[in-house]
Structures are given as C-alpha cells and as structure tokens.
Amino acid sequence: MVFESLNAKGRPLTQADLIKNYFFMRIHLDEQNEVYTQYWHPMELRLGDKLTEYIRHYLMMDGAIVKQNDVYHSLKERVDQNNAIDYLIKLSHTSFHYQNLIDPDNEPDN
C-alpha cells in the first residue's frame, strides 16, 4: 500500500511504476534481475512514457474496456504468482508491434 502511493521523490507513481512493482513482487528474487534485464527494461526503453497506454491497449486486446485510471487494477486481476513471468514475456514481445504502430519508421518491412 505504501509503495502504491509514494515513490522516492514524493510524487505519485505512474500506473507503469505500480505494474512493474506488482510483477516483480510476484517473481522469485533469484529470477528478478534476469527478467527485468531481458523483458521489462527493454520494453520500458522502447515505449518510454507510452508504456502505461501500451499496457492498457494490451489489456483490451480481448475486447475488455479498460479506462485509463484502471490499468493497474485490471492487470492485477489477470496476473498472479503462477503466470507473472509468462505474462510479462508476452507483454514484452507484443510491445515491438505496438512500437511499430505508434512509430511506423521503426518497422523494417515497408
């Protein structure tokens, strides 16, 4: 609860910050560094401030309606300890396609 309300700078956390924390609380400590380095951090660099909106769109792929302020809570309903890594891997892989949609210059195949 404390993490959900503050960060080290005293400003409100973004939903992407909350989601990152939620994922890594569900991933075993021994796997966190590798998963972060391989999946989360590249996705974060790829999408920057569009990360929360990407996750929102990802959550809506199955036809669900997710309001901008409900991204974190919607993700929490779908991700648990048993599927956190698999879900994050799929999220990361799909982020390449999203990046190409928002910036078509990244797409190598015209």
Protein backbone atom coordinates (compact mmCIF):
# COMPACT_ATOMS: atom_id res chain seq x y z
CA MET A 1 0.00 0.00 0.00
CA VAL A 2 2.81 2.41 0.82
CA PHE A 3 4.53 1.65 -2.48
CA GLU A 4 1.26 2.24 -4.30
CA SER A 5 1.04 5.81 -3.03
CA LEU A 6 4.57 7.26 -3.00
CA ASN A 7 7.93 6.99 -4.65
CA ALA A 8 11.35 8.16 -3.50
CA LYS A 9 10.75 11.63 -4.95
CA GLY A 10 7.44 12.08 -3.18
CA ARG A 11 5.37 12.26 -6.36
CA PRO A 12 2.55 9.93 -7.26
CA LEU A 13 3.60 6.79 -9.07
CA THR A 14 2.53 6.16 -12.62
CA GLN A 15 0.46 3.09 -13.33
CA ALA A 16 3.51 1.65 -15.14
CA ASP A 17 5.51 2.06 -11.87
CA LEU A 18 2.81 0.21 -9.97
CA ILE A 19 2.62 -2.53 -12.59
CA LYS A 20 6.38 -3.03 -12.56
CA ASN A 21 6.34 -3.36 -8.80
CA TYR A 22 3.37 -5.74 -8.97
CA PHE A 23 5.15 -8.01 -11.46
CA PHE A 24 8.39 -8.12 -9.54
CA MET A 25 6.67 -8.83 -6.24
CA ARG A 26 5.36 -11.99 -7.91
CA ILE A 27 8.66 -13.10 -9.44
CA HIS A 28 11.11 -15.02 -7.29
CA LEU A 29 14.07 -12.94 -6.15
CA ASP A 30 16.51 -15.26 -7.96
CA GLU A 31 14.83 -14.51 -11.31
CA GLN A 32 14.10 -10.81 -10.92
CA ASN A 33 17.33 -9.40 -12.33
CA GLU A 34 17.27 -11.59 -15.43
CA VAL A 35 13.57 -10.97 -16.10
CA TYR A 36 13.99 -7.21 -15.59
CA THR A 37 17.03 -7.05 -17.88
CA GLN A 38 15.59 -9.25 -20.59
CA TYR A 39 11.93 -8.14 -20.67
CA TRP A 40 10.85 -5.18 -18.55
CA HIS A 41 13.71 -2.73 -19.05
CA PRO A 42 13.88 -3.06 -22.87
CA MET A 43 10.11 -2.59 -23.05
CA GLU A 44 10.40 0.46 -20.79
CA LEU A 45 13.13 1.93 -23.03
CA ARG A 46 11.21 1.08 -26.19
CA LEU A 47 7.96 2.74 -25.16
CA GLY A 48 9.01 5.38 -22.62
CA ASP A 49 6.08 7.45 -21.43
CA LYS A 50 3.72 5.43 -23.66
CA LEU A 51 4.22 2.29 -21.55
CA THR A 52 1.06 2.68 -19.47
CA GLU A 53 -1.04 3.32 -22.57
CA TYR A 54 0.50 0.27 -24.26
CA ILE A 55 -0.38 -1.93 -21.28
CA ARG A 56 -3.91 -0.53 -21.40
CA HIS A 57 -4.23 -1.43 -25.07
CA TYR A 58 -2.73 -4.86 -24.41
CA LEU A 59 -5.35 -5.49 -21.73
CA MET A 60 -8.08 -4.54 -24.20
CA MET A 61 -6.97 -7.00 -26.91
CA ASP A 62 -9.60 -9.49 -25.76
CA GLY A 63 -12.39 -6.93 -26.09
CA ALA A 64 -12.40 -5.68 -22.49
CA ILE A 65 -12.81 -1.96 -21.87
CA VAL A 66 -10.10 -0.60 -19.57
CA LYS A 67 -10.26 3.03 -18.50
CA GLN A 68 -7.01 4.96 -18.29
CA ASN A 69 -7.17 5.07 -14.49
CA ASP A 70 -7.93 1.34 -14.20
CA VAL A 71 -4.89 -0.15 -15.97
CA TYR A 72 -3.13 -1.23 -12.78
CA HIS A 73 -6.23 -2.75 -11.21
CA SER A 74 -7.18 -4.55 -14.44
CA LEU A 75 -3.72 -6.06 -14.72
CA LYS A 76 -3.83 -7.19 -11.09
CA GLU A 77 -6.95 -9.21 -11.91
CA ARG A 78 -5.08 -11.10 -14.64
CA VAL A 79 -1.60 -11.64 -13.22
CA ASP A 80 -0.68 -13.78 -10.24
CA GLN A 81 2.37 -15.62 -8.94
CA ASN A 82 1.77 -18.54 -11.30
CA ASN A 83 1.69 -16.56 -14.55
CA ALA A 84 3.68 -13.37 -13.87
CA ILE A 85 6.77 -14.26 -15.92
CA ASP A 86 4.81 -15.71 -18.84
CA TYR A 87 2.50 -12.70 -18.90
CA LEU A 88 5.44 -10.29 -18.81
CA ILE A 89 7.20 -12.15 -21.64
CA LYS A 90 4.09 -11.90 -23.85
CA LEU A 91 3.68 -8.24 -22.90
CA SER A 92 7.30 -7.55 -23.80
CA HIS A 93 7.17 -9.38 -27.15
CA THR A 94 3.97 -7.63 -28.20
CA SER A 95 5.48 -4.25 -27.34
CA PHE A 96 7.61 -4.42 -30.51
CA HIS A 97 4.43 -4.41 -32.61
CA TYR A 98 2.98 -1.56 -30.56
CA GLN A 99 6.15 0.47 -31.03
CA ASN A 100 5.84 -0.01 -34.80
CA LEU A 101 2.21 1.12 -34.69
CA ILE A 102 2.96 4.33 -32.83
CA ASP A 103 6.15 4.99 -34.80
CA PRO A 104 6.00 3.30 -38.23
CA ASP A 105 9.56 4.40 -39.04
CA ASN A 106 10.71 1.57 -36.74
CA GLU A 107 9.12 -1.05 -38.99
CA PRO A 108 11.84 -2.51 -41.24
CA ASP A 109 9.39 -4.11 -43.70
CA ASN A 110 7.53 -1.36 -45.56
